[in-house]
Protein backbone atom coordinates (compact mmCIF):
# COMPACT_ATOMS: atom_id res chain seq x y z
CA MET A 1 8.65 7.63 0.15
CA GLY A 2 6.76 8.79 -2.92
CA GLU A 3 3.25 9.99 -3.48
CA LEU A 4 0.53 7.34 -3.73
CA VAL A 5 -1.08 6.77 -7.13
CA ARG A 6 -3.72 4.30 -8.30
CA TYR A 7 -4.23 2.75 -11.72
CA LYS A 8 -6.66 0.33 -13.26
CA TYR A 9 -4.93 -2.09 -15.64
CA ILE A 10 -6.40 -4.53 -18.14
CA PHE A 11 -3.86 -7.21 -19.07
CA ASN A 12 -4.19 -9.26 -22.26
CA GLY A 13 -2.08 -12.18 -23.47
CA ARG A 14 -1.31 -15.43 -21.68
CA VAL A 15 -2.63 -14.17 -18.35
CA GLN A 16 -5.21 -16.76 -17.26
CA GLY A 17 -4.42 -20.28 -16.18
CA VAL A 18 -0.77 -19.39 -15.48
CA GLY A 19 -0.94 -18.22 -11.85
CA PHE A 20 -1.15 -14.54 -12.80
CA ARG A 21 -3.51 -13.50 -9.99
CA TYR A 22 -1.52 -15.25 -7.28
CA LYS A 23 1.79 -13.95 -8.59
CA ALA A 24 0.25 -10.45 -8.73
CA ALA A 25 -0.97 -10.72 -5.13
CA TYR A 26 2.39 -12.01 -3.86
CA THR A 27 4.29 -9.34 -5.79
CA ALA A 28 1.93 -6.56 -4.66
CA GLN A 29 2.44 -7.55 -1.03
CA LYS A 30 6.20 -7.66 -1.55
CA TYR A 31 6.19 -4.03 -2.73
CA ASN A 32 3.54 -2.79 -0.26
CA LEU A 33 0.93 -2.22 -2.96
CA THR A 34 -2.81 -2.36 -2.38
CA GLY A 35 -5.77 -3.08 -4.66
CA TYR A 36 -7.10 -6.18 -6.34
CA VAL A 37 -6.77 -8.53 -9.29
CA ARG A 38 -9.57 -10.43 -11.05
CA ASN A 39 -10.02 -12.66 -14.11
CA GLU A 40 -12.51 -11.48 -16.73
CA TYR A 41 -14.71 -13.68 -18.92
CA ASP A 42 -13.02 -12.45 -22.11
CA GLY A 43 -9.65 -13.94 -21.03
CA SER A 44 -8.17 -10.72 -19.75
CA VAL A 45 -7.17 -9.89 -16.18
CA VAL A 46 -8.15 -6.63 -14.48
CA ALA A 47 -6.22 -5.11 -11.59
CA GLU A 48 -6.38 -1.93 -9.62
CA ILE A 49 -2.99 -1.21 -8.14
CA GLN A 50 -2.17 1.52 -5.65
CA GLY A 51 1.24 2.55 -4.33
CA THR A 52 4.18 4.68 -5.30
CA ASP A 53 5.28 4.88 -8.94
CA ALA A 54 8.59 3.21 -7.99
CA ALA A 55 6.81 0.27 -6.30
CA ILE A 56 4.44 -0.15 -9.25
CA ASP A 57 7.46 -0.18 -11.62
CA MET A 58 9.02 -2.95 -9.51
CA PHE A 59 5.72 -4.87 -9.62
CA PHE A 60 5.77 -4.76 -13.45
CA GLN A 61 9.44 -5.79 -13.66
CA THR A 62 8.71 -8.82 -11.50
CA MET A 63 5.55 -9.81 -13.41
CA ASN A 64 7.31 -9.45 -16.78
CA ASN A 65 10.10 -11.80 -15.64
CA ASP A 66 7.72 -14.70 -14.98
CA ARG A 67 8.31 -17.49 -17.48
CA PHE A 68 4.65 -18.59 -17.65
CA ILE A 69 3.01 -15.18 -17.94
CA ASN A 70 3.09 -13.41 -21.30
CA ILE A 71 1.56 -9.93 -21.16
CA GLN A 72 0.96 -8.82 -24.73
CA ASP A 73 -1.10 -5.67 -24.15
CA ILE A 74 -1.98 -3.40 -21.23
CA ASP A 75 -4.70 -0.76 -21.14
CA PHE A 76 -4.65 1.54 -18.13
CA GLN A 77 -6.25 4.57 -16.57
CA LYS A 78 -5.40 6.66 -13.55
CA LEU A 79 -7.90 6.52 -10.67
CA PRO A 80 -8.34 8.45 -7.43
CA VAL A 81 -6.33 7.08 -4.50
CA GLN A 82 -8.34 5.10 -1.94
CA GLU A 83 -6.85 6.34 1.33
CA ASP A 84 -8.41 3.64 3.53
CA GLU A 85 -7.29 0.62 1.48
CA LYS A 86 -4.89 -1.61 3.40
CA SER A 87 -4.37 -4.82 1.37
CA PHE A 88 -4.20 -6.47 -2.07
CA GLU A 89 -6.86 -9.06 -2.83
CA VAL A 90 -7.53 -11.77 -5.38
CA LEU A 91 -11.17 -11.42 -6.44
CA TYR A 92 -13.29 -14.14 -8.02
């Protein structure tokens, strides 16, 4: 197993109204990732994702293969790991 890392991502493109948050939550659970995903008022989606680099790579491969989602731009920053976090949530 790899070392845990945590990133904050801001996704732009066709990411609202296409099931992005629910696909992200399902995919995160599939790869044992924790964190959250939330729509923003400007049309972007923000997510904090924590797990191994390999699991996060698999998350992105799965999300990029969705026929309804079209991620055009991603901003990201590395964050401190939250040791006590146990799940991935959809926030409103």
